[in-house]
Amino acid sequence: MNFKHVILFSAACVSGCATVSSQSSRDIIVDGQSYELRTSVIEGSKGPFERSQVKVNNKMYICLPDSKGDCEAAVRQGRDESNRRG
């Protein structure tokens, strides 16, 4: 890929990418431990939408706070993955 193609590809990515318009953070408690839950409002091509992620051992896991137990399940998944890695 030559330099001209790199510039065109980069411009296409920037113009097609969504931007985060706001972000909030709060803690959730799972099994007596606190985890950070971040919710971002993203301006996409079809309008704004929310995306939430919970932070477990410095890795983010997507979850749905409005879906009962989903973020808790994401925390447990993250802890299980960390335990398998050692």
PDB file of N, CA and C in Angstrom:
ATOM      1  N   MET A   1       0.857  -1.167   0.000  1.00  0.00           N
ATOM      2  CA  MET A   1       0.000   0.000   0.000  1.00  0.00           C
ATOM      3  C   MET A   1       0.903   1.230   0.000  1.00  0.00           C
ATOM      4  N   ASN A   2       0.663   2.135  -0.955  1.00  0.00           N
ATOM      5  CA  ASN A   2       1.493   3.326  -1.001  1.00  0.00           C
ATOM      6  C   ASN A   2       0.920   4.420  -0.098  1.00  0.00           C
ATOM      7  N   PHE A   3       1.672   5.499   0.023  1.00  0.00           N
ATOM      8  CA  PHE A   3       1.315   6.586   0.950  1.00  0.00           C
ATOM      9  C   PHE A   3      -0.049   7.182   0.621  1.00  0.00           C
ATOM     10  N   LYS A   4      -0.371   7.346  -0.658  1.00  0.00           N
ATOM     11  CA  LYS A   4      -1.659   7.916  -1.071  1.00  0.00           C
ATOM     12  C   LYS A   4      -2.808   7.040  -0.580  1.00  0.00           C
ATOM     13  N   HIS A   5      -2.662   5.735  -0.686  1.00  0.00           N
ATOM     14  CA  HIS A   5      -3.704   4.816  -0.226  1.00  0.00           C
ATOM     15  C   HIS A   5      -3.879   4.884   1.291  1.00  0.00           C
ATOM     16  N   VAL A   6      -2.779   5.043   2.009  1.00  0.00           N
ATOM     17  CA  VAL A   6      -2.843   5.148   3.462  1.00  0.00           C
ATOM     18  C   VAL A   6      -3.645   6.382   3.865  1.00  0.00           C
ATOM     19  N   ILE A   7      -3.391   7.507   3.204  1.00  0.00           N
ATOM     20  CA  ILE A   7      -4.117   8.743   3.510  1.00  0.00           C
ATOM     21  C   ILE A   7      -5.596   8.582   3.190  1.00  0.00           C
ATOM     22  N   LEU A   8      -5.930   8.026   2.043  1.00  0.00           N
ATOM     23  CA  LEU A   8      -7.338   7.836   1.669  1.00  0.00           C
ATOM     24  C   LEU A   8      -8.034   6.887   2.642  1.00  0.00           C
ATOM     25  N   PHE A   9      -7.371   5.805   3.017  1.00  0.00           N
ATOM     26  CA  PHE A   9      -7.941   4.847   3.956  1.00  0.00           C
ATOM     27  C   PHE A   9      -8.171   5.506   5.312  1.00  0.00           C
ATOM     28  N   SER A  10      -7.202   6.289   5.785  1.00  0.00           N
ATOM     29  CA  SER A  10      -7.332   6.978   7.065  1.00  0.00           C
ATOM     30  C   SER A  10      -8.480   7.969   7.044  1.00  0.00           C
ATOM     31  N   ALA A  11      -8.624   8.711   5.970  1.00  0.00           N
ATOM     32  CA  ALA A  11      -9.714   9.684   5.857  1.00  0.00           C
ATOM     33  C   ALA A  11     -11.066   8.987   5.856  1.00  0.00           C
ATOM     34  N   ALA A  12     -11.156   7.852   5.195  1.00  0.00           N
ATOM     35  CA  ALA A  12     -12.406   7.095   5.171  1.00  0.00           C
ATOM     36  C   ALA A  12     -12.767   6.593   6.557  1.00  0.00           C
ATOM     37  N   CYS A  13     -11.780   6.137   7.314  1.00  0.00           N
ATOM     38  CA  CYS A  13     -12.029   5.651   8.667  1.00  0.00           C
ATOM     39  C   CYS A  13     -12.508   6.774   9.576  1.00  0.00           C
ATOM     40  N   VAL A  14     -11.884   7.920   9.480  1.00  0.00           N
ATOM     41  CA  VAL A  14     -12.255   9.037  10.335  1.00  0.00           C
ATOM     42  C   VAL A  14     -13.662   9.515  10.014  1.00  0.00           C
ATOM     43  N   SER A  15     -13.999   9.605   8.747  1.00  0.00           N
ATOM     44  CA  SER A  15     -15.322  10.107   8.379  1.00  0.00           C
ATOM     45  C   SER A  15     -16.424   9.109   8.722  1.00  0.00           C
ATOM     46  N   GLY A  16     -16.114   7.822   8.782  1.00  0.00           N
ATOM     47  CA  GLY A  16     -17.108   6.807   9.069  1.00  0.00           C
ATOM     48  C   GLY A  16     -17.191   6.395  10.516  1.00  0.00           C
ATOM     49  N   CYS A  17     -16.329   6.922  11.359  1.00  0.00           N
ATOM     50  CA  CYS A  17     -16.281   6.519  12.758  1.00  0.00           C
ATOM     51  C   CYS A  17     -17.284   7.304  13.585  1.00  0.00           C
ATOM     52  N   ALA A  18     -17.799   6.662  14.614  1.00  0.00           N
ATOM     53  CA  ALA A  18     -18.711   7.320  15.538  1.00  0.00           C
ATOM     54  C   ALA A  18     -17.908   8.077  16.588  1.00  0.00           C
ATOM     55  N   THR A  19     -18.541   9.089  17.174  1.00  0.00           N
ATOM     56  CA  THR A  19     -17.874   9.856  18.223  1.00  0.00           C
ATOM     57  C   THR A  19     -18.641   9.719  19.530  1.00  0.00           C
ATOM     58  N   VAL A  20     -17.906   9.738  20.619  1.00  0.00           N
ATOM     59  CA  VAL A  20     -18.503   9.669  21.948  1.00  0.00           C
ATOM     60  C   VAL A  20     -18.915  11.080  22.340  1.00  0.00           C
ATOM     61  N   SER A  21     -20.214  11.291  22.599  1.00  0.00           N
ATOM     62  CA  SER A  21     -20.680  12.631  22.961  1.00  0.00           C
ATOM     63  C   SER A  21     -20.686  12.849  24.470  1.00  0.00           C
ATOM     64  N   SER A  22     -20.829  11.780  25.243  1.00  0.00           N
ATOM     65  CA  SER A  22     -20.737  11.895  26.700  1.00  0.00           C
ATOM     66  C   SER A  22     -20.416  10.539  27.297  1.00  0.00           C
ATOM     67  N   GLN A  23     -19.897  10.589  28.509  1.00  0.00           N
ATOM     68  CA  GLN A  23     -19.537   9.351  29.202  1.00  0.00           C
ATOM     69  C   GLN A  23     -19.781   9.543  30.689  1.00  0.00           C
ATOM     70  N   SER A  24     -20.344   8.524  31.323  1.00  0.00           N
ATOM     71  CA  SER A  24     -20.547   8.562  32.773  1.00  0.00           C
ATOM     72  C   SER A  24     -19.979   7.283  33.371  1.00  0.00           C
ATOM     73  N   SER A  25     -19.711   7.351  34.654  1.00  0.00           N
ATOM     74  CA  SER A  25     -19.105   6.226  35.343  1.00  0.00           C
ATOM     75  C   SER A  25     -19.748   6.070  36.712  1.00  0.00           C
ATOM     76  N   ARG A  26     -19.960   4.827  37.098  1.00  0.00           N
ATOM     77  CA  ARG A  26     -20.456   4.536  38.450  1.00  0.00           C
ATOM     78  C   ARG A  26     -19.934   3.165  38.838  1.00  0.00           C
ATOM     79  N   ASP A  27     -20.035   2.860  40.111  1.00  0.00           N
ATOM     80  CA  ASP A  27     -19.585   1.563  40.599  1.00  0.00           C
ATOM     81  C   ASP A  27     -20.760   0.609  40.734  1.00  0.00           C
ATOM     82  N   ILE A  28     -20.509  -0.656  40.451  1.00  0.00           N
ATOM     83  CA  ILE A  28     -21.480  -1.707  40.751  1.00  0.00           C
ATOM     84  C   ILE A  28     -20.797  -2.683  41.697  1.00  0.00           C
ATOM     85  N   ILE A  29     -21.573  -3.316  42.534  1.00  0.00           N
ATOM     86  CA  ILE A  29     -21.055  -4.276  43.505  1.00  0.00           C
ATOM     87  C   ILE A  29     -21.466  -5.677  43.063  1.00  0.00           C
ATOM     88  N   VAL A  30     -20.483  -6.549  42.935  1.00  0.00           N
ATOM     89  CA  VAL A  30     -20.727  -7.951  42.576  1.00  0.00           C
ATOM     90  C   VAL A  30     -19.963  -8.808  43.573  1.00  0.00           C
ATOM     91  N   ASP A  31     -20.696  -9.651  44.282  1.00  0.00           N
ATOM     92  CA  ASP A  31     -20.099 -10.539  45.282  1.00  0.00           C
ATOM     93  C   ASP A  31     -19.233  -9.771  46.283  1.00  0.00           C
ATOM     94  N   GLY A  32     -19.715  -8.602  46.694  1.00  0.00           N
ATOM     95  CA  GLY A  32     -19.032  -7.800  47.697  1.00  0.00           C
ATOM     96  C   GLY A  32     -17.859  -6.975  47.200  1.00  0.00           C
ATOM     97  N   GLN A  33     -17.559  -7.017  45.887  1.00  0.00           N
ATOM     98  CA  GLN A  33     -16.460  -6.244  45.324  1.00  0.00           C
ATOM     99  C   GLN A  33     -17.012  -5.172  44.386  1.00  0.00           C
ATOM    100  N   SER A  34     -16.327  -4.041  44.332  1.00  0.00           N
ATOM    101  CA  SER A  34     -16.743  -2.909  43.514  1.00  0.00           C
ATOM    102  C   SER A  34     -16.057  -2.952  42.146  1.00  0.00           C
ATOM    103  N   TYR A  35     -16.829  -2.675  41.097  1.00  0.00           N
ATOM    104  CA  TYR A  35     -16.324  -2.632  39.725  1.00  0.00           C
ATOM    105  C   TYR A  35     -16.847  -1.378  39.049  1.00  0.00           C
ATOM    106  N   GLU A  36     -16.019  -0.782  38.190  1.00  0.00           N
ATOM    107  CA  GLU A  36     -16.408   0.431  37.483  1.00  0.00           C
ATOM    108  C   GLU A  36     -17.275   0.084  36.270  1.00  0.00           C
ATOM    109  N   LEU A  37     -18.421   0.754  36.160  1.00  0.00           N
ATOM    110  CA  LEU A  37     -19.319   0.613  35.020  1.00  0.00           C
ATOM    111  C   LEU A  37     -19.304   1.931  34.267  1.00  0.00           C
ATOM    112  N   ARG A  38     -18.874   1.915  33.017  1.00  0.00           N
ATOM    113  CA  ARG A  38     -18.828   3.115  32.177  1.00  0.00           C
ATOM    114  C   ARG A  38     -19.920   3.032  31.122  1.00  0.00           C
ATOM    115  N   THR A  39     -20.659   4.121  30.980  1.00  0.00           N
ATOM    116  CA  THR A  39     -21.673   4.198  29.942  1.00  0.00           C
ATOM    117  C   THR A  39     -21.357   5.380  29.040  1.00  0.00           C
ATOM    118  N   SER A  40     -21.270   5.127  27.748  1.00  0.00           N
ATOM    119  CA  SER A  40     -20.962   6.157  26.761  1.00  0.00           C
ATOM    120  C   SER A  40     -22.162   6.362  25.852  1.00  0.00           C
ATOM    121  N   VAL A  41     -22.436   7.616  25.510  1.00  0.00           N
ATOM    122  CA  VAL A  41     -23.417   7.936  24.478  1.00  0.00           C
ATOM    123  C   VAL A  41     -22.611   8.191  23.217  1.00  0.00           C
ATOM    124  N   ILE A  42     -22.902   7.417  22.189  1.00  0.00           N
ATOM    125  CA  ILE A  42     -22.132   7.460  20.951  1.00  0.00           C
ATOM    126  C   ILE A  42     -23.021   7.999  19.837  1.00  0.00           C
ATOM    127  N   GLU A  43     -22.494   8.960  19.103  1.00  0.00           N
ATOM    128  CA  GLU A  43     -23.206   9.525  17.957  1.00  0.00           C
ATOM    129  C   GLU A  43     -22.861   8.696  16.728  1.00  0.00           C
ATOM    130  N   GLY A  44     -23.777   7.840  16.335  1.00  0.00           N
ATOM    131  CA  GLY A  44     -23.558   6.985  15.181  1.00  0.00           C
ATOM    132  C   GLY A  44     -24.245   7.522  13.952  1.00  0.00           C
ATOM    133  N   SER A  45     -24.096   6.855  12.845  1.00  0.00           N
ATOM    134  CA  SER A  45     -24.692   7.301  11.582  1.00  0.00           C
ATOM    135  C   SER A  45     -26.218   7.245  11.614  1.00  0.00           C
ATOM    136  N   LYS A  46     -26.783   6.416  12.486  1.00  0.00           N
ATOM    137  CA  LYS A  46     -28.244   6.300  12.603  1.00  0.00           C
ATOM    138  C   LYS A  46     -28.762   6.993  13.855  1.00  0.00           C
ATOM    139  N   GLY A  47     -27.944   7.857  14.456  1.00  0.00           N
ATOM    140  CA  GLY A  47     -28.344   8.567  15.656  1.00  0.00           C
ATOM    141  C   GLY A  47     -27.598   8.070  16.879  1.00  0.00           C
ATOM    142  N   PRO A  48     -27.874   8.692  18.027  1.00  0.00           N
ATOM    143  CA  PRO A  48     -27.144   8.334  19.242  1.00  0.00           C
ATOM    144  C   PRO A  48     -27.588   6.986  19.823  1.00  0.00           C
ATOM    145  N   PHE A  49     -26.631   6.295  20.449  1.00  0.00           N
ATOM    146  CA  PHE A  49     -26.946   5.060  21.166  1.00  0.00           C
ATOM    147  C   PHE A  49     -26.000   4.946  22.351  1.00  0.00           C
ATOM    148  N   GLU A  50     -26.369   4.129  23.326  1.00  0.00           N
ATOM    149  CA  GLU A  50     -25.556   3.928  24.519  1.00  0.00           C
ATOM    150  C   GLU A  50     -24.813   2.608  24.448  1.00  0.00           C
ATOM    151  N   ARG A  51     -23.614   2.618  25.033  1.00  0.00           N
ATOM    152  CA  ARG A  51     -22.832   1.391  25.172  1.00  0.00           C
ATOM    153  C   ARG A  51     -22.230   1.399  26.570  1.00  0.00           C
ATOM    154  N   SER A  52     -22.433   0.316  27.298  1.00  0.00           N
ATOM    155  CA  SER A  52     -21.903   0.209  28.652  1.00  0.00           C
ATOM    156  C   SER A  52     -20.873  -0.901  28.720  1.00  0.00           C
ATOM    157  N   GLN A  53     -19.863  -0.659  29.557  1.00  0.00           N
ATOM    158  CA  GLN A  53     -18.801  -1.636  29.771  1.00  0.00           C
ATOM    159  C   GLN A  53     -18.443  -1.638  31.247  1.00  0.00           C
ATOM    160  N   VAL A  54     -18.119  -2.826  31.746  1.00  0.00           N
ATOM    161  CA  VAL A  54     -17.671  -2.959  33.126  1.00  0.00           C
ATOM    162  C   VAL A  54     -16.195  -3.346  33.094  1.00  0.00           C
ATOM    163  N   LYS A  55     -15.423  -2.752  34.001  1.00  0.00           N
ATOM    164  CA  LYS A  55     -13.975  -2.964  34.029  1.00  0.00           C
ATOM    165  C   LYS A  55     -13.625  -4.042  35.058  1.00  0.00           C
ATOM    166  N   VAL A  56     -12.978  -5.101  34.575  1.00  0.00           N
ATOM    167  CA  VAL A  56     -12.554  -6.216  35.432  1.00  0.00           C
ATOM    168  C   VAL A  56     -11.080  -6.480  35.141  1.00  0.00           C
ATOM    169  N   ASN A  57     -10.237  -6.285  36.155  1.00  0.00           N
ATOM    170  CA  ASN A  57      -8.795  -6.511  36.006  1.00  0.00           C
ATOM    171  C   ASN A  57      -8.224  -5.791  34.780  1.00  0.00           C
ATOM    172  N   ASN A  58      -8.570  -4.511  34.644  1.00  0.00           N
ATOM    173  CA  ASN A  58      -8.086  -3.641  33.565  1.00  0.00           C
ATOM    174  C   ASN A  58      -8.522  -4.058  32.168  1.00  0.00           C
ATOM    175  N   LYS A  59      -9.571  -4.849  32.062  1.00  0.00           N
ATOM    176  CA  LYS A  59     -10.140  -5.221  30.772  1.00  0.00           C
ATOM    177  C   LYS A  59     -11.617  -4.853  30.798  1.00  0.00           C
ATOM    178  N   MET A  60     -12.132  -4.337  29.677  1.00  0.00           N
ATOM    179  CA  MET A  60     -13.526  -3.900  29.612  1.00  0.00           C
ATOM    180  C   MET A  60     -14.397  -5.002  28.990  1.00  0.00           C
ATOM    181  N   TYR A  61     -15.585  -5.187  29.603  1.00  0.00           N
ATOM    182  CA  TYR A  61     -16.558  -6.172  29.120  1.00  0.00           C
ATOM    183  C   TYR A  61     -17.884  -5.460  28.877  1.00  0.00           C
ATOM    184  N   ILE A  62     -18.422  -5.608  27.687  1.00  0.00           N
ATOM    185  CA  ILE A  62     -19.689  -4.963  27.327  1.00  0.00           C
ATOM    186  C   ILE A  62     -20.822  -5.626  28.094  1.00  0.00           C
ATOM    187  N   CYS A  63     -21.757  -4.801  28.575  1.00  0.00           N
ATOM    188  CA  CYS A  63     -22.927  -5.333  29.264  1.00  0.00           C
ATOM    189  C   CYS A  63     -24.116  -4.398  29.074  1.00  0.00           C
ATOM    190  N   LEU A  64     -25.281  -4.867  29.439  1.00  0.00           N
ATOM    191  CA  LEU A  64     -26.528  -4.108  29.333  1.00  0.00           C
ATOM    192  C   LEU A  64     -27.074  -3.856  30.731  1.00  0.00           C
ATOM    193  N   PRO A  65     -26.864  -2.648  31.279  1.00  0.00           N
ATOM    194  CA  PRO A  65     -27.315  -2.364  32.642  1.00  0.00           C
ATOM    195  C   PRO A  65     -28.826  -2.518  32.837  1.00  0.00           C
ATOM    196  N   ASP A  66     -29.606  -2.306  31.780  1.00  0.00           N
ATOM    197  CA  ASP A  66     -31.062  -2.425  31.890  1.00  0.00           C
ATOM    198  C   ASP A  66     -31.541  -3.872  31.826  1.00  0.00           C
ATOM    199  N   SER A  67     -30.641  -4.788  31.504  1.00  0.00           N
ATOM    200  CA  SER A  67     -30.983  -6.207  31.455  1.00  0.00           C
ATOM    201  C   SER A  67     -30.526  -6.840  32.769  1.00  0.00           C
ATOM    202  N   LYS A  68     -31.476  -7.236  33.595  1.00  0.00           N
ATOM    203  CA  LYS A  68     -31.183  -7.719  34.941  1.00  0.00           C
ATOM    204  C   LYS A  68     -30.097  -8.795  34.951  1.00  0.00           C
ATOM    205  N   GLY A  69     -29.036  -8.515  35.690  1.00  0.00           N
ATOM    206  CA  GLY A  69     -27.967  -9.491  35.884  1.00  0.00           C
ATOM    207  C   GLY A  69     -26.909  -9.529  34.799  1.00  0.00           C
ATOM    208  N   ASP A  70     -27.065  -8.743  33.732  1.00  0.00           N
ATOM    209  CA  ASP A  70     -26.127  -8.831  32.615  1.00  0.00           C
ATOM    210  C   ASP A  70     -24.738  -8.306  32.992  1.00  0.00           C
ATOM    211  N   CYS A  71     -24.668  -7.170  33.664  1.00  0.00           N
ATOM    212  CA  CYS A  71     -23.362  -6.623  34.051  1.00  0.00           C
ATOM    213  C   CYS A  71     -22.689  -7.501  35.108  1.00  0.00           C
ATOM    214  N   GLU A  72     -23.471  -8.068  36.005  1.00  0.00           N
ATOM    215  CA  GLU A  72     -22.921  -8.987  36.990  1.00  0.00           C
ATOM    216  C   GLU A  72     -22.333 -10.217  36.295  1.00  0.00           C
ATOM    217  N   ALA A  73     -23.034 -10.713  35.271  1.00  0.00           N
ATOM    218  CA  ALA A  73     -22.531 -11.860  34.508  1.00  0.00           C
ATOM    219  C   ALA A  73     -21.239 -11.497  33.773  1.00  0.00           C
ATOM    220  N   ALA A  74     -21.145 -10.258  33.269  1.00  0.00           N
ATOM    221  CA  ALA A  74     -19.931  -9.815  32.589  1.00  0.00           C
ATOM    222  C   ALA A  74     -18.754  -9.767  33.568  1.00  0.00           C
ATOM    223  N   VAL A  75     -19.012  -9.314  34.803  1.00  0.00           N
ATOM    224  CA  VAL A  75     -17.959  -9.296  35.833  1.00  0.00           C
ATOM    225  C   VAL A  75     -17.483 -10.714  36.106  1.00  0.00           C
ATOM    226  N   ARG A  76     -18.411 -11.623  36.292  1.00  0.00           N
ATOM    227  CA  ARG A  76     -18.029 -13.016  36.583  1.00  0.00           C
ATOM    228  C   ARG A  76     -17.258 -13.641  35.418  1.00  0.00           C
ATOM    229  N   GLN A  77     -17.671 -13.320  34.195  1.00  0.00           N
ATOM    230  CA  GLN A  77     -16.944 -13.810  33.019  1.00  0.00           C
ATOM    231  C   GLN A  77     -15.514 -13.268  33.028  1.00  0.00           C
ATOM    232  N   GLY A  78     -15.369 -11.980  33.325  1.00  0.00           N
ATOM    233  CA  GLY A  78     -14.044 -11.381  33.378  1.00  0.00           C
ATOM    234  C   GLY A  78     -13.166 -12.003  34.456  1.00  0.00           C
ATOM    235  N   ARG A  79     -13.750 -12.266  35.608  1.00  0.00           N
ATOM    236  CA  ARG A  79     -12.967 -12.907  36.671  1.00  0.00           C
ATOM    237  C   ARG A  79     -12.575 -14.320  36.283  1.00  0.00           C
ATOM    238  N   ASP A  80     -13.488 -15.060  35.661  1.00  0.00           N
ATOM    239  CA  ASP A  80     -13.173 -16.423  35.208  1.00  0.00           C
ATOM    240  C   ASP A  80     -12.040 -16.410  34.181  1.00  0.00           C
ATOM    241  N   GLU A  81     -12.084 -15.479  33.241  1.00  0.00           N
ATOM    242  CA  GLU A  81     -11.023 -15.400  32.232  1.00  0.00           C
ATOM    243  C   GLU A  81      -9.682 -15.074  32.887  1.00  0.00           C
ATOM    244  N   SER A  82      -9.700 -14.182  33.858  1.00  0.00           N
ATOM    245  CA  SER A  82      -8.459 -13.815  34.565  1.00  0.00           C
ATOM    246  C   SER A  82      -7.890 -15.014  35.315  1.00  0.00           C
ATOM    247  N   ASN A  83      -8.773 -15.802  35.933  1.00  0.00           N
ATOM    248  CA  ASN A  83      -8.322 -16.979  36.673  1.00  0.00           C
ATOM    249  C   ASN A  83      -7.723 -18.026  35.755  1.00  0.00           C
ATOM    250  N   ARG A  84      -8.276 -18.174  34.549  1.00  0.00           N
ATOM    251  CA  ARG A  84      -7.745 -19.154  33.589  1.00  0.00           C
ATOM    252  C   ARG A  84      -6.373 -18.747  33.074  1.00  0.00           C
ATOM    253  N   ARG A  85      -6.146 -17.434  32.943  1.00  0.00           N
ATOM    254  CA  ARG A  85      -4.850 -16.946  32.458  1.00  0.00           C
ATOM    255  C   ARG A  85      -3.771 -17.053  33.536  1.00  0.00           C
ATOM    256  N   GLY A  86      -4.219 -17.124  34.773  1.00  0.00           N
ATOM    257  CA  GLY A  86      -3.259 -17.316  35.860  1.00  0.00           C
ATOM    258  C   GLY A  86      -2.821 -16.085  36.465  1.00  0.00           C
TER     259      GLY A  86
END
